[in-house]
Protein backbone atom coordinates (compact mmCIF):
# COMPACT_ATOMS: atom_id res chain seq x y z
CA VAL A 1 90.28 105.04 98.95
CA ASP A 2 93.20 104.93 101.37
CA GLY A 3 96.04 102.51 100.51
CA SER A 4 97.73 102.58 104.00
CA ALA A 5 96.78 98.99 104.79
CA GLY A 6 98.31 97.63 101.58
CA VAL A 7 97.08 96.28 98.25
CA ILE A 8 93.32 96.25 97.71
CA SER A 9 92.45 92.95 95.94
CA GLU A 10 89.15 92.80 94.11
CA GLY A 11 87.77 89.85 92.12
CA ASP A 12 84.50 91.61 91.11
CA THR A 13 84.05 94.73 88.99
CA THR A 14 83.65 97.96 91.10
CA VAL A 15 80.66 99.54 89.28
CA LEU A 16 80.30 103.30 89.77
CA SER A 17 76.91 105.05 89.94
CA SER A 18 76.14 108.11 87.90
CA GLY A 19 77.91 111.15 89.39
CA GLN A 20 80.02 109.05 91.85
CA VAL A 21 83.69 110.07 92.49
CA VAL A 22 86.36 107.58 93.62
CA MET A 23 89.51 109.26 94.76
CA GLY A 24 92.79 107.76 95.90
CA GLY A 25 94.36 108.90 99.14
CA GLY A 26 97.67 110.70 99.25
CA GLY A 27 96.72 114.08 98.02
CA SER A 28 94.20 113.62 95.15
CA THR A 29 92.24 116.79 94.79
CA LEU A 30 88.68 117.69 93.83
CA ASN A 31 87.06 121.06 93.50
CA VAL A 32 83.96 121.31 95.68
CA VAL A 33 81.22 123.87 96.30
CA GLY A 34 79.55 124.51 99.58
CA ARG A 35 75.93 123.31 99.59
CA ASN A 36 74.62 126.27 101.61
CA THR A 37 77.21 128.99 100.93
CA GLY A 38 78.26 128.25 97.29
CA ALA A 39 81.83 128.82 98.42
CA GLN A 40 84.45 127.07 96.31
CA ALA A 41 87.18 125.07 97.87
CA GLN A 42 89.64 122.25 96.96
CA PHE A 43 89.38 118.93 98.84
CA SER A 44 92.58 117.02 99.18
CA THR A 45 92.52 113.38 100.25
CA PRO A 46 94.49 112.20 103.30
CA GLY A 47 96.22 108.83 103.52
CA THR A 48 98.35 106.92 101.06
CA ARG A 49 97.73 106.38 97.28
CA PRO A 50 96.19 102.97 96.85
CA LEU A 51 96.93 100.06 94.54
CA VAL A 52 93.73 98.24 93.51
CA ASN A 53 94.50 94.77 92.00
CA GLY A 54 91.91 93.04 89.83
CA THR A 55 92.46 89.37 90.70
CA ASN A 56 89.91 88.00 88.13
CA VAL A 57 91.21 88.26 84.50
CA GLY A 58 87.58 87.91 83.29
CA ASN A 59 86.30 90.98 85.17
CA ASP A 60 87.06 94.59 84.67
CA VAL A 61 88.49 96.33 87.71
CA PHE A 62 86.31 99.47 87.46
CA GLN A 63 83.27 100.24 85.36
CA ILE A 64 82.43 104.06 85.05
CA ALA A 65 79.03 105.68 84.62
CA ASN A 66 77.83 109.06 83.30
CA ASP A 67 79.43 112.00 85.18
CA SER A 68 81.57 109.72 87.33
CA THR A 69 85.22 110.36 88.21
CA LEU A 70 88.18 108.14 88.98
CA THR A 71 91.30 109.82 90.15
CA GLY A 72 94.54 109.23 92.08
CA LEU A 73 94.60 105.36 91.87
CA ASP A 74 97.05 102.73 90.77
CA ILE A 75 95.14 99.88 89.03
CA THR A 76 96.57 96.45 87.99
CA GLY A 77 95.12 93.24 86.56
CA GLY A 78 91.62 92.44 85.52
CA GLU A 79 90.26 92.18 82.01
CA ASP A 80 90.15 96.00 81.47
CA GLY A 81 91.49 98.34 84.14
CA VAL A 82 88.68 100.83 83.45
CA PHE A 83 85.61 99.96 81.31
CA GLY A 84 82.67 102.26 80.16
CA ASP A 85 79.94 101.85 77.68
CA SER A 86 78.32 104.96 76.08
CA VAL A 87 79.29 107.18 79.04
CA THR A 88 79.20 110.97 79.11
CA GLY A 89 80.66 113.61 81.35
CA PHE A 90 83.18 111.20 82.93
CA THR A 91 86.64 112.11 84.15
CA LEU A 92 89.64 109.74 84.35
CA ARG A 93 92.59 111.56 85.95
CA ASP A 94 95.91 110.79 87.37
CA LEU A 95 95.70 106.98 87.13
CA ASN A 96 98.49 104.37 86.64
CA ILE A 97 96.98 101.34 84.94
CA SER A 98 99.10 98.22 84.22
CA GLY A 99 98.82 94.53 83.47
CA ALA A 100 95.23 94.25 82.25
CA THR A 101 94.65 91.13 80.09
CA GLY A 102 92.54 93.36 77.82
CA ASN A 103 92.82 97.17 77.61
CA GLY A 104 94.00 99.67 80.16
CA VAL A 105 90.99 101.93 79.38
CA PHE A 106 88.13 100.54 77.15
CA LEU A 107 85.27 102.73 76.22
CA ASP A 108 82.63 100.84 74.18
CA GLY A 109 79.71 102.56 72.38
CA THR A 110 79.60 106.39 71.98
CA ASN A 111 81.43 108.35 74.65
CA SER A 112 82.36 111.95 75.69
CA GLY A 113 84.46 112.98 78.69
CA ASP A 114 87.98 113.58 79.80
CA ILE A 115 90.99 111.25 80.12
CA LEU A 116 93.88 113.27 81.65
CA ASN A 117 97.38 112.30 82.84
CA VAL A 118 96.60 108.59 82.81
CA VAL A 119 99.45 106.01 82.32
CA SER A 120 98.51 102.70 80.69
CA ASN A 121 101.21 100.06 80.37
CA PHE A 122 101.67 96.29 79.78
CA SER A 123 98.13 95.55 78.65
CA GLY A 124 97.37 92.50 76.67
CA ASP A 125 95.47 94.61 74.10
CA ASP A 126 95.50 98.41 73.91
CA GLY A 127 96.54 101.10 76.35
CA PHE A 128 93.49 103.19 75.43
CA ARG A 129 90.70 101.86 73.24
CA VAL A 130 87.73 104.13 72.49
CA PHE A 131 85.06 102.90 70.11
CA SER A 132 83.44 106.28 69.38
CA PHE A 133 84.54 109.67 70.89
CA THR A 134 82.17 112.66 70.35
CA GLY A 135 83.63 115.24 72.76
CA GLY A 136 85.92 115.95 75.59
CA THR A 137 89.63 115.77 75.97
CA ILE A 138 92.17 112.98 75.86
CA SER A 139 95.35 114.71 76.91
CA GLY A 140 98.63 114.24 78.78
CA ASN A 141 98.39 110.44 78.71
CA THR A 142 101.10 107.80 78.19
CA ALA A 143 100.80 104.30 76.64
CA SER A 144 103.69 101.91 76.45
CA GLU A 145 104.27 98.16 76.05
CA ASN A 146 100.71 97.51 74.96
CA ASP A 147 99.40 96.23 71.47
CA PHE A 148 98.17 99.58 70.24
CA GLY A 149 98.93 102.63 72.37
CA PHE A 150 95.85 104.66 71.50
CA PHE A 151 93.05 103.28 69.28
CA VAL A 152 89.99 105.40 68.44
CA GLY A 153 87.49 103.73 66.11
CA ASN A 154 85.37 106.91 65.32
CA PHE A 155 86.60 110.33 66.24
CA ASN A 156 83.64 112.67 65.91
CA GLY A 157 84.73 115.61 68.09
CA GLY A 158 86.86 116.71 71.07
CA THR A 159 90.64 116.87 71.45
CA ILE A 160 93.41 114.36 71.42
CA SER A 161 96.57 116.25 72.45
CA GLY A 162 99.84 116.00 74.28
CA ASN A 163 99.94 112.23 74.56
CA THR A 164 102.81 109.91 74.29
CA ALA A 165 102.88 106.33 72.81
CA SER A 166 106.12 104.38 72.93
CA GLU A 167 107.40 100.76 72.57
CA ASN A 168 103.87 99.38 71.77
CA GLY A 169 103.65 96.20 69.73
CA ASP A 170 101.59 97.80 67.03
CA ALA A 171 100.92 101.47 66.14
CA GLY A 172 101.24 104.17 68.76
CA PHE A 173 98.16 106.07 67.57
CA VAL A 174 95.20 104.87 65.32
CA VAL A 175 92.11 106.88 64.44
CA ASP A 176 90.09 104.54 62.23
CA THR A 177 87.47 107.09 61.06
CA PHE A 178 88.03 110.85 61.48
CA ASN A 179 84.87 112.95 61.37
CA GLY A 180 85.98 115.99 63.28
CA GLY A 181 87.81 117.30 66.31
CA THR A 182 91.47 118.21 66.98
CA ILE A 183 94.53 116.03 67.07
CA SER A 184 97.73 117.84 68.01
CA GLY A 185 101.04 117.63 69.80
CA ASN A 186 101.13 113.84 70.26
CA THR A 187 104.39 111.84 70.20
CA ALA A 188 104.88 108.27 69.01
CA SER A 189 108.32 106.60 69.16
CA GLY A 190 109.64 103.01 69.14
CA ASN A 191 106.33 101.44 68.31
CA SER A 192 106.07 98.53 65.76
């Protein structure tokens, strides 16, 4: 997605298919493997990093699927910036999400995947809300000026590390039920 032409306004939810990758321009990277040779290389996107604005507060901006990837995007507006329901193998990386009426990232159901270096600010509800997390990594993320910074209903496995929650209206980090996994090196400051 190239942002050279300006803001991309979207009233409907962009629904990803299983295995689909959506990359922002301006140097987002993805490791690729040659189909015939098996040679490994890194693909870097040309163009300008895009701003995708969800103009309908009743619709999510993006809906992820199993094994899908969102990387290198600025996302504003919508109900949830990124929504998923019982998705596995997903990657959310290098995203700036702001101004959702609901949550920056909302994963309903039981989920496993990676959320890496995502900033989620100024959401009406939570920066990151995960109903049930069974595996993967939530690391290097920042949540500020939301209701809760990070809210995980059931933490059943995986890693939550190196995240920062500041100036949120409620708690910085909440894990409602802890059944396993690792929580380490997170920082909460100035939350209610």
